[in-house]
Amino acid sequence: MKPILEIFTALGEQLNSFGGDDRTNKVIEEAIEANGWFTRADILRAVEAIRTEMLDRERLTKWLNNYTATTEPKRVAVIMAGNIPLVGFFDLLCVLAAGHECHLKPSSKDSVLMRYVVELLRDIEPYITIYDYSADATYDMAIATGGDDANAYFREHFASTRTLLRGSRHSVAVLNGAESAEELRALYNDITAYSGLGCRSVSMLFVPQGYVPNFERGVAENVKLKRNVQAMRATLTVEGAEFWDAGAFVMRRGSDFAQSLAVVMLYEYTGIEDVKAWLKDNAERVQCVVSSCEIEGAQPLGRAQYPALMDYADGVDTMCFLLD
């Protein structure tokens, strides 16, 4: 089999023209038909993020140099989520980079895009070790992503299997009140990308007391989210509740994550040390932090949806799990 580096850099080159020809436009249309939450812009954003952050030869080489692939391949089940386009791609990459067999179960909500990528990989390397998952088969390891109910099932189903299970998380931004218009536009994308469905979609803003970000008013790209925002706006207006309308979402003051995709919470703080303490206490709930403040591990505003190869979900090194 060809080296992993060559296989995945070749994949990156093929994805360079994604959305620019009849074949891939058809794939995009089929993916949107299968999942009404997907938009063309979100699919193109996801492919671009994967291509630039995970399939660039220099970055991929540097990442691979941190690990030594096993010489004793294991059977690894990968159960993928489908909340955003190609959300399970990195797990596929990790399993193959670790030298194992990947037994894949794409979400029905994202099977079109994932099957397309697998088809490209098989064209590049016919002997690549990607197989279909079977619930009746036995596996050495399993990686699964889902909500609390799904994880309860996975724990039972894979009771005798070494597992890496991921649940729901949220992302936050820490603002100092002096952000430029450009920075706020970047943050707006962190909030609105993928209709707020991703664990890296920012849904809480830490702000100085009395500060409300002045976002340029936009419109939700997805019709489903647009209806949610309209309904929330109407409900809050009837209730006489305080809120600020940003077009694609509304903002409200609060100290915990909202239950609606249409709402972004404003958590007021008196000192940055209070924010740092909150982040430490809630580390298991937070996936990503974006900020221009001095916050350990924070990424720049606008980069929430572009995870790098070392930005492991839930802070767990997937490669170490696979190679332990």
Protein backbone atom coordinates (compact mmCIF):
# COMPACT_ATOMS: atom_id res chain seq x y z
CA MET A 1 0.00 0.00 0.00
CA LYS A 2 1.19 3.54 -0.74
CA PRO A 3 2.44 5.62 2.20
CA ILE A 4 -0.31 7.40 4.14
CA LEU A 5 1.31 10.76 3.38
CA GLU A 6 1.07 10.15 -0.36
CA ILE A 7 -2.51 8.86 -0.20
CA PHE A 8 -3.88 11.81 1.75
CA THR A 9 -1.93 14.54 0.00
CA ALA A 10 -3.29 13.10 -3.26
CA LEU A 11 -6.77 13.29 -1.73
CA GLY A 12 -6.16 16.94 -0.89
CA GLU A 13 -5.17 17.65 -4.48
CA GLN A 14 -8.35 16.01 -5.76
CA LEU A 15 -10.51 17.99 -3.33
CA ASN A 16 -8.93 21.23 -4.56
CA SER A 17 -11.56 21.51 -7.30
CA PHE A 18 -14.50 20.28 -5.18
CA GLY A 19 -17.65 22.18 -6.11
CA GLY A 20 -16.19 23.35 -9.41
CA ASP A 21 -17.45 20.60 -11.71
CA ASP A 22 -20.64 18.70 -12.51
CA ARG A 23 -19.66 15.57 -10.57
CA THR A 24 -18.97 17.27 -7.26
CA ASN A 25 -21.90 19.67 -7.66
CA LYS A 26 -24.11 16.60 -7.93
CA VAL A 27 -22.54 15.21 -4.76
CA ILE A 28 -23.31 18.50 -2.99
CA GLU A 29 -26.94 18.42 -4.16
CA GLU A 30 -27.37 14.81 -2.98
CA ALA A 31 -25.78 15.62 0.39
CA ILE A 32 -28.17 18.54 0.92
CA GLU A 33 -31.12 16.37 -0.09
CA ALA A 34 -30.07 13.76 2.51
CA ASN A 35 -29.62 16.35 5.27
CA GLY A 36 -31.74 19.49 5.23
CA TRP A 37 -29.38 21.21 7.69
CA PHE A 38 -26.52 21.16 5.17
CA THR A 39 -25.98 24.13 2.86
CA ARG A 40 -23.67 24.42 -0.12
CA ALA A 41 -21.60 27.03 1.72
CA ASP A 42 -21.20 24.75 4.75
CA ILE A 43 -20.14 21.78 2.62
CA LEU A 44 -17.57 23.86 0.76
CA ARG A 45 -16.32 25.29 4.07
CA ALA A 46 -15.88 21.81 5.54
CA VAL A 47 -14.01 20.51 2.50
CA GLU A 48 -11.78 23.58 2.44
CA ALA A 49 -10.96 23.24 6.14
CA ILE A 50 -10.01 19.58 5.70
CA ARG A 51 -7.99 20.26 2.57
CA THR A 52 -5.99 23.16 3.99
CA GLU A 53 -5.60 22.09 7.63
CA MET A 54 -5.34 18.29 7.39
CA LEU A 55 -4.21 17.39 3.86
CA ASP A 56 -1.49 19.96 3.27
CA ARG A 57 1.74 18.00 2.71
CA GLU A 58 3.88 20.06 5.10
CA ARG A 59 1.34 19.99 7.92
CA LEU A 60 0.55 16.33 7.42
CA THR A 61 4.25 15.42 7.43
CA LYS A 62 4.88 17.34 10.65
CA TRP A 63 1.87 15.67 12.31
CA LEU A 64 2.79 12.14 11.20
CA ASN A 65 6.33 12.60 12.52
CA ASN A 66 4.91 12.71 16.06
CA TYR A 67 3.83 9.07 15.86
CA THR A 68 5.03 5.65 14.75
CA ALA A 69 2.42 3.53 13.01
CA THR A 70 1.84 0.06 14.41
CA THR A 71 3.12 -3.08 12.72
CA GLU A 72 0.25 -5.05 14.24
CA PRO A 73 -2.96 -3.70 12.65
CA LYS A 74 -6.16 -3.84 14.69
CA ARG A 75 -9.79 -3.76 13.64
CA VAL A 76 -11.16 -0.34 14.61
CA ALA A 77 -14.85 0.53 14.37
CA VAL A 78 -15.55 4.20 13.66
CA ILE A 79 -19.14 5.31 14.27
CA MET A 80 -19.53 8.81 12.88
CA ALA A 81 -21.82 11.71 13.69
CA GLY A 82 -23.63 13.62 10.96
CA ASN A 83 -24.28 17.06 12.44
CA ILE A 84 -21.85 18.83 10.10
CA PRO A 85 -20.36 17.81 6.73
CA LEU A 86 -17.52 15.26 6.95
CA VAL A 87 -17.31 15.64 10.72
CA GLY A 88 -15.90 12.11 11.04
CA PHE A 89 -13.12 12.51 8.48
CA PHE A 90 -10.34 13.09 11.01
CA ASP A 91 -11.10 9.81 12.81
CA LEU A 92 -10.79 7.99 9.48
CA LEU A 93 -7.44 9.68 8.87
CA CYS A 94 -6.19 8.84 12.37
CA VAL A 95 -7.09 5.15 12.18
CA LEU A 96 -5.32 4.69 8.84
CA ALA A 97 -2.33 6.81 9.91
CA ALA A 98 -1.97 4.61 13.00
CA GLY A 99 -1.71 1.57 10.73
CA HIS A 100 -5.06 -0.02 11.55
CA GLU A 101 -8.11 -1.18 9.61
CA CYS A 102 -10.97 1.33 9.59
CA HIS A 103 -14.43 -0.25 9.76
CA LEU A 104 -16.60 2.69 8.93
CA LYS A 105 -20.20 3.53 9.79
CA PRO A 106 -21.06 6.98 8.42
CA SER A 107 -24.11 8.73 9.77
CA SER A 108 -27.11 8.48 7.44
CA LYS A 109 -27.12 12.30 7.58
CA ASP A 110 -23.62 12.52 6.11
CA SER A 111 -23.20 9.30 4.15
CA VAL A 112 -23.15 10.97 0.71
CA LEU A 113 -20.06 13.07 1.38
CA MET A 114 -18.24 10.40 3.37
CA ARG A 115 -18.87 7.72 0.75
CA TYR A 116 -17.59 10.10 -1.92
CA VAL A 117 -14.34 10.68 0.00
CA VAL A 118 -13.89 6.94 0.59
CA GLU A 119 -14.41 6.36 -3.13
CA LEU A 120 -11.64 8.86 -3.89
CA LEU A 121 -9.32 7.15 -1.41
CA ARG A 122 -9.97 3.76 -2.99
CA ASP A 123 -9.25 5.19 -6.43
CA ILE A 124 -5.95 6.56 -5.12
CA GLU A 125 -5.05 3.31 -3.28
CA PRO A 126 -7.13 0.22 -4.13
CA TYR A 127 -5.66 -1.69 -1.16
CA ILE A 128 -6.52 0.93 1.45
CA THR A 129 -7.88 -0.74 4.59
CA ILE A 130 -11.34 0.84 4.75
CA TYR A 131 -14.27 -1.53 5.29
CA ASP A 132 -17.94 -1.28 6.14
CA TYR A 133 -18.88 -1.57 9.80
CA SER A 134 -21.06 -4.45 10.94
CA ALA A 135 -22.94 -4.38 14.23
CA ASP A 136 -22.53 -8.15 14.46
CA ALA A 137 -18.75 -8.13 14.09
CA THR A 138 -16.10 -7.96 16.83
CA TYR A 139 -13.62 -5.11 16.95
CA ASP A 140 -10.42 -4.43 18.87
CA MET A 141 -11.21 -0.73 19.36
CA ALA A 142 -14.09 1.61 18.69
CA ILE A 143 -14.42 5.38 18.24
CA ALA A 144 -17.97 6.67 18.44
CA THR A 145 -19.52 10.13 18.52
CA GLY A 146 -23.06 10.92 19.60
CA GLY A 147 -25.33 12.34 22.27
CA ASP A 148 -25.86 10.98 25.76
CA ASP A 149 -28.38 8.33 24.65
CA ALA A 150 -26.12 7.17 21.83
CA ASN A 151 -23.13 6.94 24.17
CA ALA A 152 -25.13 4.85 26.63
CA TYR A 153 -25.82 2.41 23.79
CA PHE A 154 -22.17 2.42 22.69
CA ARG A 155 -20.99 1.64 26.23
CA GLU A 156 -23.26 -1.38 26.34
CA HIS A 157 -22.61 -2.56 22.78
CA PHE A 158 -18.83 -2.20 23.09
CA ALA A 159 -18.66 -3.30 26.74
CA SER A 160 -15.68 -5.59 26.11
CA THR A 161 -14.00 -3.29 23.57
CA ARG A 162 -11.55 -0.48 24.16
CA THR A 163 -13.49 2.68 23.30
CA LEU A 164 -13.13 6.39 22.72
CA LEU A 165 -16.59 7.91 23.11
CA ARG A 166 -17.42 11.56 22.48
CA GLY A 167 -20.48 13.44 23.64
CA SER A 168 -21.83 16.95 23.25
CA ARG A 169 -19.60 19.98 23.81
CA HIS A 170 -19.81 23.72 23.23
CA SER A 171 -17.46 26.49 22.14
CA VAL A 172 -17.05 29.99 23.53
CA ALA A 173 -15.51 33.34 22.69
CA VAL A 174 -13.86 35.69 25.19
CA LEU A 175 -14.15 39.36 24.23
CA ASN A 176 -12.55 42.45 25.74
CA GLY A 177 -14.97 44.97 24.22
CA ALA A 178 -12.37 46.48 21.90
CA GLU A 179 -12.74 44.05 19.00
CA SER A 180 -12.56 45.58 15.55
CA ALA A 181 -15.32 45.29 12.96
CA GLU A 182 -13.15 42.75 11.14
CA GLU A 183 -12.75 40.63 14.27
CA LEU A 184 -16.49 40.70 14.89
CA ARG A 185 -17.14 39.59 11.31
CA ALA A 186 -14.76 36.68 11.88
CA LEU A 187 -16.53 35.79 15.13
CA TYR A 188 -19.89 35.97 13.35
CA ASN A 189 -18.67 33.16 11.11
CA ASP A 190 -17.57 31.16 14.15
CA ILE A 191 -21.14 31.44 15.43
CA THR A 192 -23.17 30.93 12.25
CA ALA A 193 -21.15 28.26 10.41
CA TYR A 194 -22.99 24.93 10.14
CA SER A 195 -26.13 26.59 11.59
CA GLY A 196 -24.52 26.39 15.02
CA LEU A 197 -24.73 22.58 15.03
CA GLY A 198 -21.03 21.84 15.41
CA CYS A 199 -19.27 21.39 18.75
CA ARG A 200 -16.85 24.10 17.54
CA SER A 201 -19.71 26.52 16.78
CA VAL A 202 -19.46 29.39 19.27
CA SER A 203 -22.63 29.68 21.35
CA MET A 204 -21.49 31.73 24.36
CA LEU A 205 -19.69 35.07 24.47
CA PHE A 206 -17.84 36.22 27.59
CA VAL A 207 -18.15 40.02 27.58
CA PRO A 208 -17.24 42.88 29.95
CA GLN A 209 -20.20 44.09 31.96
CA GLY A 210 -22.57 46.20 29.88
CA TYR A 211 -20.91 45.34 26.57
CA VAL A 212 -22.98 43.98 23.67
CA PRO A 213 -21.10 43.16 20.43
CA ASN A 214 -22.28 45.26 17.50
CA PHE A 215 -22.40 42.60 14.80
CA GLU A 216 -23.30 43.49 11.24
CA ARG A 217 -26.78 42.06 10.94
CA GLY A 218 -26.94 38.96 8.74
CA VAL A 219 -29.47 36.32 7.72
CA ALA A 220 -29.41 32.61 8.53
CA GLU A 221 -28.34 30.67 5.44
CA ASN A 222 -30.34 27.58 6.32
CA VAL A 223 -34.12 27.80 6.10
CA LYS A 224 -34.51 25.55 9.17
CA LEU A 225 -32.37 27.82 11.31
CA LYS A 226 -34.06 30.90 9.84
CA ARG A 227 -37.43 29.61 11.08
CA ASN A 228 -35.96 28.89 14.52
CA VAL A 229 -34.62 32.43 14.77
CA GLN A 230 -37.94 33.92 13.65
CA ALA A 231 -39.83 31.85 16.21
CA MET A 232 -37.41 32.76 19.01
CA ARG A 233 -37.53 36.45 18.09
CA ALA A 234 -41.33 36.39 18.18
CA THR A 235 -41.46 34.50 21.49
CA LEU A 236 -39.03 36.84 23.24
CA THR A 237 -40.85 39.90 21.89
CA VAL A 238 -44.23 38.66 23.19
CA GLU A 239 -42.66 37.86 26.57
CA GLY A 240 -41.07 41.28 26.76
CA ALA A 241 -37.69 39.63 27.35
CA GLU A 242 -34.45 41.49 26.75
CA PHE A 243 -32.52 40.36 23.66
CA TRP A 244 -30.36 41.71 20.84
CA ASP A 245 -31.03 40.72 17.25
CA ALA A 246 -28.04 39.81 15.07
CA GLY A 247 -30.14 38.48 12.19
CA ALA A 248 -28.91 34.90 12.07
CA PHE A 249 -29.22 34.57 15.87
CA VAL A 250 -30.34 36.53 18.90
CA MET A 251 -28.23 37.34 21.96
CA ARG A 252 -29.37 37.14 25.57
CA ARG A 253 -27.64 37.61 28.91
CA GLY A 254 -27.04 34.40 30.84
CA SER A 255 -24.50 32.21 32.62
CA ASP A 256 -25.01 28.89 30.85
CA PHE A 257 -25.35 27.57 27.32
CA ALA A 258 -28.67 28.09 25.58
CA GLN A 259 -30.89 25.19 24.58
CA SER A 260 -31.74 26.72 21.19
CA LEU A 261 -29.55 27.08 18.09
CA ALA A 262 -31.12 30.51 17.61
CA VAL A 263 -29.67 31.92 20.85
CA VAL A 264 -26.13 32.98 21.75
CA MET A 265 -25.56 33.75 25.42
CA LEU A 266 -23.75 36.83 26.74
CA TYR A 267 -21.93 35.96 29.96
CA GLU A 268 -20.86 39.19 31.63
CA TYR A 269 -17.61 39.18 33.60
CA THR A 270 -15.90 41.67 35.89
CA GLY A 271 -12.35 40.38 35.45
CA ILE A 272 -10.56 38.07 33.02
CA GLU A 273 -9.49 35.85 35.92
CA ASP A 274 -13.18 35.03 36.47
CA VAL A 275 -13.36 33.79 32.89
CA LYS A 276 -10.24 31.69 33.26
CA ALA A 277 -11.66 30.11 36.41
CA TRP A 278 -14.94 29.33 34.64
CA LEU A 279 -13.12 27.74 31.71
CA LYS A 280 -11.08 25.60 34.09
CA ASP A 281 -14.17 24.46 36.00
CA ASN A 282 -16.06 23.69 32.78
CA ALA A 283 -13.21 22.20 30.76
CA GLU A 284 -15.15 18.99 30.08
CA ARG A 285 -18.01 20.98 28.52
CA VAL A 286 -15.93 23.21 26.26
CA GLN A 287 -14.54 22.15 22.90
CA CYS A 288 -12.92 25.35 21.64
CA VAL A 289 -12.16 28.88 22.81
CA VAL A 290 -11.60 31.80 20.44
CA SER A 291 -10.30 35.15 21.65
CA SER A 292 -7.86 37.99 21.14
CA CYS A 293 -7.33 38.04 24.93
CA GLU A 294 -4.53 36.14 26.65
CA ILE A 295 -6.38 32.89 27.23
CA GLU A 296 -4.35 29.68 27.28
CA GLY A 297 -5.17 27.49 24.29
CA ALA A 298 -7.45 30.07 22.68
CA GLN A 299 -7.51 30.33 18.90
CA PRO A 300 -7.92 33.58 16.94
CA LEU A 301 -11.41 34.87 16.27
CA GLY A 302 -12.64 33.33 13.02
CA ARG A 303 -10.68 30.08 13.36
CA ALA A 304 -13.12 27.99 15.40
CA GLN A 305 -14.23 26.00 12.36
CA TYR A 306 -10.72 25.25 11.10
CA PRO A 307 -9.27 22.70 13.53
CA ALA A 308 -5.63 21.80 12.97
CA LEU A 309 -4.33 18.24 13.07
CA MET A 310 -3.31 18.57 16.73
CA ASP A 311 -6.69 20.01 17.78
CA TYR A 312 -8.09 16.71 19.02
CA ALA A 313 -11.77 16.53 19.91
CA ASP A 314 -12.47 16.64 23.67
CA GLY A 315 -8.74 17.20 24.25
CA VAL A 316 -8.00 13.47 23.82
CA ASP A 317 -5.13 12.57 21.48
CA THR A 318 -6.82 10.12 19.11
CA MET A 319 -3.50 8.81 17.83
CA CYS A 320 -2.28 8.01 21.34
CA PHE A 321 -5.53 6.15 21.96
CA LEU A 322 -5.01 4.13 18.79
CA LEU A 323 -1.34 3.40 19.44
CA ASP A 324 -1.37 2.79 23.20
